[in-house]
Amino acid sequence: MHFTQPFVRQHQLAEALSVSVVTLWNWRRQGYLPEPVQLGPRFVGWHRDVINEWLERR
């Protein structure tokens, strides 16, 4: 699985991994998932390259 859009939103990533958004945030807090970037006042996401690299190492 590789993402092609420049940023991956939390709901897209959760759906692709078949986990909940809460699980993503737990993984982030535990240091398992890379830190997201702020895309807007209420939107966060990850750079495509960061997530693709993380998926390859996973």
Protein backbone atom coordinates (compact mmCIF):
# COMPACT_ATOMS: atom_id res chain seq x y z
CA MET A 1 0.00 0.00 0.00
CA HIS A 2 1.43 3.36 -1.04
CA PHE A 3 -0.22 6.75 -0.92
CA THR A 4 0.08 9.09 -3.90
CA GLN A 5 -1.53 12.34 -2.71
CA PRO A 6 0.85 14.85 -1.03
CA PHE A 7 -0.74 14.47 2.42
CA VAL A 8 -2.51 11.57 4.10
CA ARG A 9 -5.38 12.56 6.39
CA GLN A 10 -6.08 10.65 9.58
CA HIS A 11 -9.29 9.05 8.30
CA GLN A 12 -7.57 7.87 5.12
CA LEU A 13 -4.74 6.29 7.07
CA ALA A 14 -7.07 4.67 9.61
CA GLU A 15 -9.19 3.18 6.84
CA ALA A 16 -6.16 1.89 4.93
CA LEU A 17 -4.78 0.22 8.07
CA SER A 18 -8.21 -1.04 9.21
CA VAL A 19 -7.88 0.65 12.59
CA SER A 20 -9.74 3.47 14.29
CA VAL A 21 -8.59 7.08 14.43
CA VAL A 22 -8.23 6.61 18.20
CA THR A 23 -5.76 3.79 17.56
CA LEU A 24 -3.72 6.09 15.29
CA TRP A 25 -3.50 8.69 18.06
CA ASN A 26 -2.56 6.05 20.61
CA TRP A 27 0.20 4.83 18.28
CA ARG A 28 1.40 8.43 17.84
CA ARG A 29 1.49 8.98 21.60
CA GLN A 30 3.44 5.74 22.04
CA GLY A 31 5.97 6.81 19.39
CA TYR A 32 4.96 4.04 16.98
CA LEU A 33 3.48 6.39 14.38
CA PRO A 34 5.32 9.51 13.13
CA GLU A 35 4.09 12.94 14.23
CA PRO A 36 1.53 14.53 11.90
CA VAL A 37 1.67 18.07 10.56
CA GLN A 38 -1.00 20.75 11.01
CA LEU A 39 -2.75 21.23 7.65
CA GLY A 40 -5.27 23.77 8.87
CA PRO A 41 -6.92 24.99 12.05
CA ARG A 42 -8.75 21.69 12.51
CA PHE A 43 -6.95 19.36 10.12
CA VAL A 44 -3.85 17.25 10.58
CA GLY A 45 -2.18 14.74 8.33
CA TRP A 46 1.12 13.18 7.40
CA HIS A 47 3.43 13.82 4.48
CA ARG A 48 2.97 11.05 1.94
CA ASP A 49 6.69 10.19 1.92
CA VAL A 50 6.83 9.88 5.72
CA ILE A 51 3.86 7.49 5.81
CA ASN A 52 5.05 5.43 2.83
CA GLU A 53 8.45 5.01 4.49
CA TRP A 54 6.79 4.11 7.82
CA LEU A 55 4.64 1.50 6.05
CA GLU A 56 7.70 -0.08 4.44
CA ARG A 57 9.48 -0.38 7.81
CA ARG A 58 6.37 -1.70 9.56
